[in-house]
PDB file of N, CA and C in Angstrom:
ATOM      1  N   MET A   1      80.274 120.613  72.934  1.00  0.00           N
ATOM      2  CA  MET A   1      80.432 120.367  71.526  1.00  0.00           C
ATOM      3  C   MET A   1      79.130 120.680  70.780  1.00  0.00           C
ATOM      4  N   ILE A   2      78.003 120.407  71.403  1.00  0.00           N
ATOM      5  CA  ILE A   2      76.714 120.683  70.771  1.00  0.00           C
ATOM      6  C   ILE A   2      76.548 122.182  70.539  1.00  0.00           C
ATOM      7  N   THR A   3      76.897 122.994  71.529  1.00  0.00           N
ATOM      8  CA  THR A   3      76.756 124.440  71.335  1.00  0.00           C
ATOM      9  C   THR A   3      77.726 124.949  70.271  1.00  0.00           C
ATOM     10  N   GLY A   4      78.853 124.294  70.103  1.00  0.00           N
ATOM     11  CA  GLY A   4      79.778 124.662  69.029  1.00  0.00           C
ATOM     12  C   GLY A   4      79.183 124.383  67.664  1.00  0.00           C
ATOM     13  N   ILE A   5      78.527 123.240  67.529  1.00  0.00           N
ATOM     14  CA  ILE A   5      77.877 122.902  66.264  1.00  0.00           C
ATOM     15  C   ILE A   5      76.741 123.878  65.986  1.00  0.00           C
ATOM     16  N   LEU A   6      75.927 124.156  66.998  1.00  0.00           N
ATOM     17  CA  LEU A   6      74.832 125.097  66.820  1.00  0.00           C
ATOM     18  C   LEU A   6      75.344 126.509  66.563  1.00  0.00           C
ATOM     19  N   GLY A   7      76.485 126.854  67.138  1.00  0.00           N
ATOM     20  CA  GLY A   7      77.071 128.166  66.894  1.00  0.00           C
ATOM     21  C   GLY A   7      77.482 128.352  65.451  1.00  0.00           C
ATOM     22  N   ILE A   8      77.913 127.298  64.814  1.00  0.00           N
ATOM     23  CA  ILE A   8      78.296 127.379  63.407  1.00  0.00           C
ATOM     24  C   ILE A   8      77.055 127.341  62.513  1.00  0.00           C
ATOM     25  N   VAL A   9      76.121 126.461  62.811  1.00  0.00           N
ATOM     26  CA  VAL A   9      74.976 126.244  61.935  1.00  0.00           C
ATOM     27  C   VAL A   9      73.900 127.315  62.105  1.00  0.00           C
ATOM     28  N   CYS A  10      73.561 127.660  63.328  1.00  0.00           N
ATOM     29  CA  CYS A  10      72.380 128.501  63.560  1.00  0.00           C
ATOM     30  C   CYS A  10      72.696 129.930  63.977  1.00  0.00           C
ATOM     31  N   CYS A  11      73.444 130.060  65.033  1.00  0.00           N
ATOM     32  CA  CYS A  11      73.514 131.358  65.701  1.00  0.00           C
ATOM     33  C   CYS A  11      74.925 131.600  66.220  1.00  0.00           C
ATOM     34  N   GLY A  12      75.537 132.685  65.778  1.00  0.00           N
ATOM     35  CA  GLY A  12      76.908 132.993  66.155  1.00  0.00           C
ATOM     36  C   GLY A  12      77.169 133.138  67.646  1.00  0.00           C
ATOM     37  N   PRO A  13      76.282 133.807  68.402  1.00  0.00           N
ATOM     38  CA  PRO A  13      76.563 133.964  69.835  1.00  0.00           C
ATOM     39  C   PRO A  13      76.668 132.642  70.599  1.00  0.00           C
ATOM     40  N   LEU A  14      76.077 131.580  70.090  1.00  0.00           N
ATOM     41  CA  LEU A  14      76.234 130.284  70.752  1.00  0.00           C
ATOM     42  C   LEU A  14      77.676 129.796  70.683  1.00  0.00           C
ATOM     43  N   ALA A  15      78.438 130.281  69.726  1.00  0.00           N
ATOM     44  CA  ALA A  15      79.838 129.896  69.630  1.00  0.00           C
ATOM     45  C   ALA A  15      80.616 130.422  70.829  1.00  0.00           C
ATOM     46  N   ILE A  16      80.231 131.590  71.336  1.00  0.00           N
ATOM     47  CA  ILE A  16      80.878 132.128  72.535  1.00  0.00           C
ATOM     48  C   ILE A  16      80.583 131.224  73.721  1.00  0.00           C
ATOM     49  N   VAL A  17      79.338 130.771  73.823  1.00  0.00           N
ATOM     50  CA  VAL A  17      78.956 129.847  74.894  1.00  0.00           C
ATOM     51  C   VAL A  17      79.758 128.554  74.780  1.00  0.00           C
ATOM     52  N   ALA A  18      79.921 128.057  73.563  1.00  0.00           N
ATOM     53  CA  ALA A  18      80.691 126.832  73.344  1.00  0.00           C
ATOM     54  C   ALA A  18      82.137 127.009  73.786  1.00  0.00           C
ATOM     55  N   LEU A  19      82.705 128.147  73.483  1.00  0.00           N
ATOM     56  CA  LEU A  19      84.097 128.407  73.859  1.00  0.00           C
ATOM     57  C   LEU A  19      84.256 128.440  75.379  1.00  0.00           C
ATOM     58  N   VAL A  20      83.332 129.077  76.060  1.00  0.00           N
ATOM     59  CA  VAL A  20      83.394 129.162  77.523  1.00  0.00           C
ATOM     60  C   VAL A  20      83.193 127.788  78.156  1.00  0.00           C
ATOM     61  N   LEU A  21      82.174 127.060  77.696  1.00  0.00           N
ATOM     62  CA  LEU A  21      81.906 125.740  78.268  1.00  0.00           C
ATOM     63  C   LEU A  21      83.044 124.761  78.008  1.00  0.00           C
ATOM     64  N   ALA A  22      83.600 124.801  76.802  1.00  0.00           N
ATOM     65  CA  ALA A  22      84.702 123.893  76.478  1.00  0.00           C
ATOM     66  C   ALA A  22      85.946 124.234  77.285  1.00  0.00           C
ATOM     67  N   SER A  23      86.190 125.517  77.493  1.00  0.00           N
ATOM     68  CA  SER A  23      87.342 125.915  78.290  1.00  0.00           C
ATOM     69  C   SER A  23      87.198 125.418  79.728  1.00  0.00           C
ATOM     70  N   ASN A  24      85.999 125.586  80.295  1.00  0.00           N
ATOM     71  CA  ASN A  24      85.760 125.088  81.652  1.00  0.00           C
ATOM     72  C   ASN A  24      85.875 123.567  81.716  1.00  0.00           C
ATOM     73  N   ALA A  25      85.371 122.878  80.704  1.00  0.00           N
ATOM     74  CA  ALA A  25      85.445 121.414  80.681  1.00  0.00           C
ATOM     75  C   ALA A  25      86.892 120.946  80.584  1.00  0.00           C
ATOM     76  N   ARG A  26      87.697 121.620  79.774  1.00  0.00           N
ATOM     77  CA  ARG A  26      89.101 121.227  79.634  1.00  0.00           C
ATOM     78  C   ARG A  26      89.848 121.393  80.956  1.00  0.00           C
ATOM     79  N   LYS A  27      89.556 122.478  81.682  1.00  0.00           N
ATOM     80  CA  LYS A  27      90.188 122.687  82.986  1.00  0.00           C
ATOM     81  C   LYS A  27      89.765 121.610  83.983  1.00  0.00           C
ATOM     82  N   GLU A  28      88.479 121.282  83.995  1.00  0.00           N
ATOM     83  CA  GLU A  28      87.974 120.259  84.909  1.00  0.00           C
ATOM     84  C   GLU A  28      88.546 118.883  84.584  1.00  0.00           C
ATOM     85  N   ILE A  29      88.658 118.583  83.302  1.00  0.00           N
ATOM     86  CA  ILE A  29      89.220 117.295  82.885  1.00  0.00           C
ATOM     87  C   ILE A  29      90.682 117.207  83.280  1.00  0.00           C
ATOM     88  N   ALA A  30      91.410 118.311  83.155  1.00  0.00           N
ATOM     89  CA  ALA A  30      92.827 118.314  83.540  1.00  0.00           C
ATOM     90  C   ALA A  30      92.986 118.110  85.044  1.00  0.00           C
ATOM     91  N   GLN A  31      92.062 118.650  85.837  1.00  0.00           N
ATOM     92  CA  GLN A  31      92.151 118.515  87.289  1.00  0.00           C
ATOM     93  C   GLN A  31      91.747 117.126  87.768  1.00  0.00           C
ATOM     94  N   THR A  32      90.692 116.573  87.192  1.00  0.00           N
ATOM     95  CA  THR A  32      90.154 115.312  87.699  1.00  0.00           C
ATOM     96  C   THR A  32      90.675 114.090  86.956  1.00  0.00           C
ATOM     97  N   GLY A  33      91.155 114.270  85.738  1.00  0.00           N
ATOM     98  CA  GLY A  33      91.656 113.140  84.972  1.00  0.00           C
ATOM     99  C   GLY A  33      90.563 112.297  84.338  1.00  0.00           C
ATOM    100  N   GLN A  34      89.357 112.817  84.262  1.00  0.00           N
ATOM    101  CA  GLN A  34      88.256 112.080  83.655  1.00  0.00           C
ATOM    102  C   GLN A  34      88.389 112.081  82.143  1.00  0.00           C
ATOM    103  N   GLY A  35      87.541 111.314  81.481  1.00  0.00           N
ATOM    104  CA  GLY A  35      87.531 111.256  80.033  1.00  0.00           C
ATOM    105  C   GLY A  35      86.757 112.420  79.439  1.00  0.00           C
ATOM    106  N   GLY A  36      86.760 112.494  78.133  1.00  0.00           N
ATOM    107  CA  GLY A  36      86.020 113.534  77.442  1.00  0.00           C
ATOM    108  C   GLY A  36      86.873 114.661  76.923  1.00  0.00           C
ATOM    109  N   SER A  37      88.174 114.474  76.983  1.00  0.00           N
ATOM    110  CA  SER A  37      89.079 115.519  76.533  1.00  0.00           C
ATOM    111  C   SER A  37      88.904 115.825  75.046  1.00  0.00           C
ATOM    112  N   GLY A  38      88.667 114.794  74.252  1.00  0.00           N
ATOM    113  CA  GLY A  38      88.494 114.989  72.815  1.00  0.00           C
ATOM    114  C   GLY A  38      87.252 115.799  72.487  1.00  0.00           C
ATOM    115  N   MET A  39      86.157 115.530  73.194  1.00  0.00           N
ATOM    116  CA  MET A  39      84.932 116.292  72.954  1.00  0.00           C
ATOM    117  C   MET A  39      85.079 117.729  73.404  1.00  0.00           C
ATOM    118  N   ALA A  40      85.779 117.949  74.510  1.00  0.00           N
ATOM    119  CA  ALA A  40      86.002 119.314  74.980  1.00  0.00           C
ATOM    120  C   ALA A  40      86.871 120.087  73.996  1.00  0.00           C
ATOM    121  N   THR A  41      87.877 119.432  73.462  1.00  0.00           N
ATOM    122  CA  THR A  41      88.746 120.083  72.476  1.00  0.00           C
ATOM    123  C   THR A  41      87.979 120.377  71.193  1.00  0.00           C
ATOM    124  N   ALA A  42      87.142 119.439  70.767  1.00  0.00           N
ATOM    125  CA  ALA A  42      86.322 119.660  69.571  1.00  0.00           C
ATOM    126  C   ALA A  42      85.367 120.829  69.785  1.00  0.00           C
ATOM    127  N   GLY A  43      84.749 120.917  70.947  1.00  0.00           N
ATOM    128  CA  GLY A  43      83.863 122.036  71.255  1.00  0.00           C
ATOM    129  C   GLY A  43      84.595 123.358  71.266  1.00  0.00           C
ATOM    130  N   TRP A  44      85.827 123.343  71.767  1.00  0.00           N
ATOM    131  CA  TRP A  44      86.650 124.554  71.802  1.00  0.00           C
ATOM    132  C   TRP A  44      86.960 125.036  70.388  1.00  0.00           C
ATOM    133  N   TRP A  45      87.381 124.108  69.521  1.00  0.00           N
ATOM    134  CA  TRP A  45      87.684 124.487  68.137  1.00  0.00           C
ATOM    135  C   TRP A  45      86.436 124.907  67.371  1.00  0.00           C
ATOM    136  N   LEU A  46      85.313 124.242  67.616  1.00  0.00           N
ATOM    137  CA  LEU A  46      84.064 124.644  66.968  1.00  0.00           C
ATOM    138  C   LEU A  46      83.637 126.031  67.434  1.00  0.00           C
ATOM    139  N   GLY A  47      83.874 126.333  68.697  1.00  0.00           N
ATOM    140  CA  GLY A  47      83.579 127.669  69.209  1.00  0.00           C
ATOM    141  C   GLY A  47      84.421 128.723  68.521  1.00  0.00           C
ATOM    142  N   ILE A  48      85.698 128.447  68.339  1.00  0.00           N
ATOM    143  CA  ILE A  48      86.579 129.384  67.640  1.00  0.00           C
ATOM    144  C   ILE A  48      86.134 129.556  66.195  1.00  0.00           C
ATOM    145  N   ALA A  49      85.808 128.453  65.533  1.00  0.00           N
ATOM    146  CA  ALA A  49      85.364 128.527  64.139  1.00  0.00           C
ATOM    147  C   ALA A  49      84.050 129.291  64.026  1.00  0.00           C
ATOM    148  N   GLY A  50      83.140 129.067  64.951  1.00  0.00           N
ATOM    149  CA  GLY A  50      81.866 129.775  64.931  1.00  0.00           C
ATOM    150  C   GLY A  50      82.028 131.270  65.132  1.00  0.00           C
ATOM    151  N   ILE A  51      82.912 131.662  66.048  1.00  0.00           N
ATOM    152  CA  ILE A  51      83.175 133.086  66.271  1.00  0.00           C
ATOM    153  C   ILE A  51      83.817 133.701  65.037  1.00  0.00           C
ATOM    154  N   ALA A  52      84.744 132.983  64.426  1.00  0.00           N
ATOM    155  CA  ALA A  52      85.403 133.499  63.221  1.00  0.00           C
ATOM    156  C   ALA A  52      84.402 133.699  62.090  1.00  0.00           C
ATOM    157  N   LEU A  53      83.490 132.743  61.899  1.00  0.00           N
ATOM    158  CA  LEU A  53      82.474 132.881  60.852  1.00  0.00           C
ATOM    159  C   LEU A  53      81.506 134.014  61.164  1.00  0.00           C
ATOM    160  N   TRP A  54      81.165 134.173  62.426  1.00  0.00           N
ATOM    161  CA  TRP A  54      80.271 135.241  62.846  1.00  0.00           C
ATOM    162  C   TRP A  54      80.898 136.603  62.561  1.00  0.00           C
ATOM    163  N   VAL A  55      82.157 136.772  62.937  1.00  0.00           N
ATOM    164  CA  VAL A  55      82.864 138.030  62.696  1.00  0.00           C
ATOM    165  C   VAL A  55      83.012 138.278  61.193  1.00  0.00           C
ATOM    166  N   LEU A  56      83.342 137.243  60.441  1.00  0.00           N
ATOM    167  CA  LEU A  56      83.457 137.385  58.988  1.00  0.00           C
ATOM    168  C   LEU A  56      82.127 137.820  58.377  1.00  0.00           C
ATOM    169  N   GLY A  57      81.034 137.256  58.830  1.00  0.00           N
ATOM    170  CA  GLY A  57      79.720 137.645  58.339  1.00  0.00           C
ATOM    171  C   GLY A  57      79.395 139.094  58.650  1.00  0.00           C
ATOM    172  N   ILE A  58      79.749 139.543  59.850  1.00  0.00           N
ATOM    173  CA  ILE A  58      79.512 140.939  60.218  1.00  0.00           C
ATOM    174  C   ILE A  58      80.350 141.872  59.346  1.00  0.00           C
ATOM    175  N   ILE A  59      81.598 141.513  59.105  1.00  0.00           N
ATOM    176  CA  ILE A  59      82.474 142.341  58.265  1.00  0.00           C
ATOM    177  C   ILE A  59      81.949 142.397  56.836  1.00  0.00           C
ATOM    178  N   LEU A  60      81.542 141.251  56.294  1.00  0.00           N
ATOM    179  CA  LEU A  60      81.018 141.227  54.932  1.00  0.00           C
ATOM    180  C   LEU A  60      79.712 142.005  54.818  1.00  0.00           C
ATOM    181  N   TYR A  61      78.871 141.932  55.834  1.00  0.00           N
ATOM    182  CA  TYR A  61      77.628 142.691  55.815  1.00  0.00           C
ATOM    183  C   TYR A  61      77.913 144.193  55.903  1.00  0.00           C
ATOM    184  N   ALA A  62      78.850 144.590  56.755  1.00  0.00           N
ATOM    185  CA  ALA A  62      79.199 145.998  56.901  1.00  0.00           C
ATOM    186  C   ALA A  62      79.836 146.546  55.623  1.00  0.00           C
ATOM    187  N   ALA A  63      80.570 145.720  54.912  1.00  0.00           N
ATOM    188  CA  ALA A  63      81.209 146.147  53.671  1.00  0.00           C
ATOM    189  C   ALA A  63      80.238 146.156  52.503  1.00  0.00           C
ATOM    190  N   GLY A  64      79.058 145.612  52.679  1.00  0.00           N
ATOM    191  CA  GLY A  64      78.066 145.598  51.617  1.00  0.00           C
ATOM    192  C   GLY A  64      78.193 144.427  50.669  1.00  0.00           C
ATOM    193  N   VAL A  65      79.058 143.502  50.976  1.00  0.00           N
ATOM    194  CA  VAL A  65      79.232 142.332  50.116  1.00  0.00           C
ATOM    195  C   VAL A  65      78.046 141.382  50.259  1.00  0.00           C
ATOM    196  N   VAL A  66      77.542 141.257  51.478  1.00  0.00           N
ATOM    197  CA  VAL A  66      76.404 140.388  51.766  1.00  0.00           C
ATOM    198  C   VAL A  66      75.227 141.274  52.150  1.00  0.00           C
ATOM    199  N   THR A  67      74.090 141.057  51.529  1.00  0.00           N
ATOM    200  CA  THR A  67      72.881 141.794  51.894  1.00  0.00           C
ATOM    201  C   THR A  67      71.765 140.806  52.136  1.00  0.00           C
ATOM    202  N   PHE A  68      70.773 141.267  52.845  1.00  0.00           N
ATOM    203  CA  PHE A  68      69.606 140.442  53.135  1.00  0.00           C
ATOM    204  C   PHE A  68      68.396 141.118  52.489  1.00  0.00           C
ATOM    205  N   ASP A  69      68.191 140.833  51.219  1.00  0.00           N
ATOM    206  CA  ASP A  69      67.103 141.403  50.468  1.00  0.00           C
ATOM    207  C   ASP A  69      65.834 140.610  50.753  1.00  0.00           C
ATOM    208  N   THR A  70      64.857 141.251  51.351  1.00  0.00           N
ATOM    209  CA  THR A  70      63.641 140.538  51.761  1.00  0.00           C
ATOM    210  C   THR A  70      62.476 140.772  50.821  1.00  0.00           C
ATOM    211  N   THR A  71      62.710 141.408  49.698  1.00  0.00           N
ATOM    212  CA  THR A  71      61.612 141.635  48.760  1.00  0.00           C
ATOM    213  C   THR A  71      61.285 140.357  48.018  1.00  0.00           C
ATOM    214  N   THR A  72      60.022 140.172  47.738  1.00  0.00           N
ATOM    215  CA  THR A  72      59.593 138.997  46.985  1.00  0.00           C
ATOM    216  C   THR A  72      59.035 139.445  45.643  1.00  0.00           C
ATOM    217  N   TYR A  73      59.142 138.630  44.660  1.00  0.00           N
ATOM    218  CA  TYR A  73      58.700 138.963  43.306  1.00  0.00           C
ATOM    219  C   TYR A  73      57.495 138.161  42.934  1.00  0.00           C
TER     220      TYR A  73
END
């Protein structure tokens, strides 16, 4: 879940890590019956949201809608 939050806030590629870790956690929880299913599901959804925002940002940057102007006045 932490990598999902960081994937949304800081860095898009961390969302991929969140998706992989949450998927593995959900499988392990289903096999062992341990707790933590809610956190694994939250991490999975945050990973999906982070990837979606990352892709949207790339599309907007490629279309010229978003620019990173580094000039100072």
